[in-house]
Amino acid sequence: MRTLLILFFLQLSLWASIGSVMAMRGSAELKRSNGLIKLENAMEIESADTIITHEKSRVQVMLLDSTVITIGENSEFRFDEFAYDGTKESKASM
């Protein structure tokens, strides 16, 4: 039973929000394992998400640790891994 609880919480942390879209100009898409969706302001970002921007577009994302990432036009930016707990054990891979 304990193993099942650990696996459940691990799964939740893998799909938990790591930040959100704070501002955007133009058009962009969010690529997730279930396909492409139109990116919108205030949308939550998860690990393994990819933001795809188009011509004359820009997206700003704020991560849970208050890092702000600006993604310019005609770009693909993938959030591979993000773990933030306020210690030196925190890590990010993008």
C-alpha atoms as a PDB file:
ATOM      1  CA  MET A   1       0.000   0.000   0.000  1.00  0.00           C
ATOM      2  CA  ARG A   2       2.825   2.405   0.833  1.00  0.00           C
ATOM      3  CA  THR A   3       4.397   1.808  -2.583  1.00  0.00           C
ATOM      4  CA  LEU A   4       1.111   2.683  -4.281  1.00  0.00           C
ATOM      5  CA  LEU A   5       0.904   5.972  -2.378  1.00  0.00           C
ATOM      6  CA  ILE A   6       4.476   6.861  -3.320  1.00  0.00           C
ATOM      7  CA  LEU A   7       3.775   6.106  -6.992  1.00  0.00           C
ATOM      8  CA  PHE A   8       0.582   8.180  -6.865  1.00  0.00           C
ATOM      9  CA  PHE A   9       2.345  11.252  -5.464  1.00  0.00           C
ATOM     10  CA  LEU A  10       5.264  10.813  -7.875  1.00  0.00           C
ATOM     11  CA  GLN A  11       2.826  10.773 -10.781  1.00  0.00           C
ATOM     12  CA  LEU A  12       1.120  13.933  -9.497  1.00  0.00           C
ATOM     13  CA  SER A  13       4.437  15.750  -9.231  1.00  0.00           C
ATOM     14  CA  LEU A  14       5.370  14.790 -12.782  1.00  0.00           C
ATOM     15  CA  TRP A  15       2.252  16.503 -14.151  1.00  0.00           C
ATOM     16  CA  ALA A  16       2.085  19.401 -11.721  1.00  0.00           C
ATOM     17  CA  SER A  17       2.319  22.979 -12.881  1.00  0.00           C
ATOM     18  CA  ILE A  18       5.847  24.387 -13.021  1.00  0.00           C
ATOM     19  CA  GLY A  19       4.745  27.899 -13.948  1.00  0.00           C
ATOM     20  CA  SER A  20       2.369  29.844 -16.145  1.00  0.00           C
ATOM     21  CA  VAL A  21       2.179  32.127 -19.175  1.00  0.00           C
ATOM     22  CA  MET A  22       2.435  35.690 -17.876  1.00  0.00           C
ATOM     23  CA  ALA A  23       2.234  37.589 -21.160  1.00  0.00           C
ATOM     24  CA  MET A  24       2.065  36.882 -24.851  1.00  0.00           C
ATOM     25  CA  ARG A  25       1.906  38.699 -28.150  1.00  0.00           C
ATOM     26  CA  GLY A  26       0.891  37.088 -31.414  1.00  0.00           C
ATOM     27  CA  SER A  27       0.093  33.398 -31.629  1.00  0.00           C
ATOM     28  CA  ALA A  28       1.685  30.325 -30.086  1.00  0.00           C
ATOM     29  CA  GLU A  29       0.914  26.698 -29.373  1.00  0.00           C
ATOM     30  CA  LEU A  30       1.572  24.353 -26.500  1.00  0.00           C
ATOM     31  CA  LYS A  31       2.763  20.870 -27.417  1.00  0.00           C
ATOM     32  CA  ARG A  32       1.893  18.180 -24.867  1.00  0.00           C
ATOM     33  CA  SER A  33       1.864  14.421 -25.046  1.00  0.00           C
ATOM     34  CA  ASN A  34      -1.794  14.573 -26.145  1.00  0.00           C
ATOM     35  CA  GLY A  35      -1.146  16.992 -29.036  1.00  0.00           C
ATOM     36  CA  LEU A  36      -1.070  20.717 -29.846  1.00  0.00           C
ATOM     37  CA  ILE A  37      -3.322  23.257 -28.169  1.00  0.00           C
ATOM     38  CA  LYS A  38      -3.616  27.026 -28.611  1.00  0.00           C
ATOM     39  CA  LEU A  39      -1.516  28.820 -25.993  1.00  0.00           C
ATOM     40  CA  GLU A  40      -3.345  31.445 -23.932  1.00  0.00           C
ATOM     41  CA  ASN A  41      -2.451  33.942 -21.238  1.00  0.00           C
ATOM     42  CA  ALA A  42      -2.383  32.494 -17.680  1.00  0.00           C
ATOM     43  CA  MET A  43      -2.177  28.923 -19.023  1.00  0.00           C
ATOM     44  CA  GLU A  44      -0.249  26.579 -16.731  1.00  0.00           C
ATOM     45  CA  ILE A  45       2.977  25.010 -17.981  1.00  0.00           C
ATOM     46  CA  GLU A  46       4.028  21.477 -17.026  1.00  0.00           C
ATOM     47  CA  SER A  47       7.280  19.535 -17.305  1.00  0.00           C
ATOM     48  CA  ALA A  48       7.774  18.124 -20.814  1.00  0.00           C
ATOM     49  CA  ASP A  49       5.676  20.920 -22.397  1.00  0.00           C
ATOM     50  CA  THR A  50       7.000  22.664 -25.507  1.00  0.00           C
ATOM     51  CA  ILE A  51       5.989  26.199 -26.463  1.00  0.00           C
ATOM     52  CA  ILE A  52       5.995  26.906 -30.197  1.00  0.00           C
ATOM     53  CA  THR A  53       5.860  30.556 -31.268  1.00  0.00           C
ATOM     54  CA  HIS A  54       5.017  31.883 -34.715  1.00  0.00           C
ATOM     55  CA  GLU A  55       6.110  34.926 -36.703  1.00  0.00           C
ATOM     56  CA  LYS A  56       5.849  38.230 -34.789  1.00  0.00           C
ATOM     57  CA  SER A  57       5.021  36.359 -31.557  1.00  0.00           C
ATOM     58  CA  ARG A  58       6.532  36.415 -28.096  1.00  0.00           C
ATOM     59  CA  VAL A  59       5.669  34.515 -24.900  1.00  0.00           C
ATOM     60  CA  GLN A  60       6.766  35.140 -21.312  1.00  0.00           C
ATOM     61  CA  VAL A  61       6.578  32.344 -18.766  1.00  0.00           C
ATOM     62  CA  MET A  62       7.104  32.712 -15.023  1.00  0.00           C
ATOM     63  CA  LEU A  63       8.288  29.578 -13.250  1.00  0.00           C
ATOM     64  CA  LEU A  64       7.493  28.715  -9.630  1.00  0.00           C
ATOM     65  CA  ASP A  65      10.875  30.069  -8.493  1.00  0.00           C
ATOM     66  CA  SER A  66      10.026  33.465 -10.095  1.00  0.00           C
ATOM     67  CA  THR A  67      12.350  32.917 -13.074  1.00  0.00           C
ATOM     68  CA  VAL A  68      10.968  34.693 -16.150  1.00  0.00           C
ATOM     69  CA  ILE A  69      11.655  33.168 -19.562  1.00  0.00           C
ATOM     70  CA  THR A  70      10.960  35.101 -22.762  1.00  0.00           C
ATOM     71  CA  ILE A  71      10.534  33.034 -25.919  1.00  0.00           C
ATOM     72  CA  GLY A  72      10.922  34.954 -29.174  1.00  0.00           C
ATOM     73  CA  GLU A  73       9.281  34.515 -32.557  1.00  0.00           C
ATOM     74  CA  ASN A  74       9.597  31.342 -34.652  1.00  0.00           C
ATOM     75  CA  SER A  75      10.933  29.313 -31.726  1.00  0.00           C
ATOM     76  CA  GLU A  76      10.419  26.023 -29.928  1.00  0.00           C
ATOM     77  CA  PHE A  77      11.216  25.935 -26.221  1.00  0.00           C
ATOM     78  CA  ARG A  78      10.891  22.717 -24.207  1.00  0.00           C
ATOM     79  CA  PHE A  79      10.664  22.495 -20.423  1.00  0.00           C
ATOM     80  CA  ASP A  80      12.351  19.126 -19.909  1.00  0.00           C
ATOM     81  CA  GLU A  81      12.521  19.042 -16.123  1.00  0.00           C
ATOM     82  CA  PHE A  82      11.860  21.443 -13.277  1.00  0.00           C
ATOM     83  CA  ALA A  83      12.078  20.682  -9.568  1.00  0.00           C
ATOM     84  CA  TYR A  84      11.936  23.549  -7.120  1.00  0.00           C
ATOM     85  CA  ASP A  85      11.882  23.204  -3.360  1.00  0.00           C
ATOM     86  CA  GLY A  86      13.862  26.307  -2.348  1.00  0.00           C
ATOM     87  CA  THR A  87      17.079  24.386  -1.657  1.00  0.00           C
ATOM     88  CA  LYS A  88      20.269  23.546  -3.518  1.00  0.00           C
ATOM     89  CA  GLU A  89      18.532  20.351  -4.621  1.00  0.00           C
ATOM     90  CA  SER A  90      16.337  22.357  -7.002  1.00  0.00           C
ATOM     91  CA  LYS A  91      17.040  21.827 -10.702  1.00  0.00           C
ATOM     92  CA  ALA A  92      15.893  22.835 -14.149  1.00  0.00           C
ATOM     93  CA  SER A  93      16.534  21.463 -17.622  1.00  0.00           C
ATOM     94  CA  MET A  94      15.227  23.255 -20.689  1.00  0.00           C
END
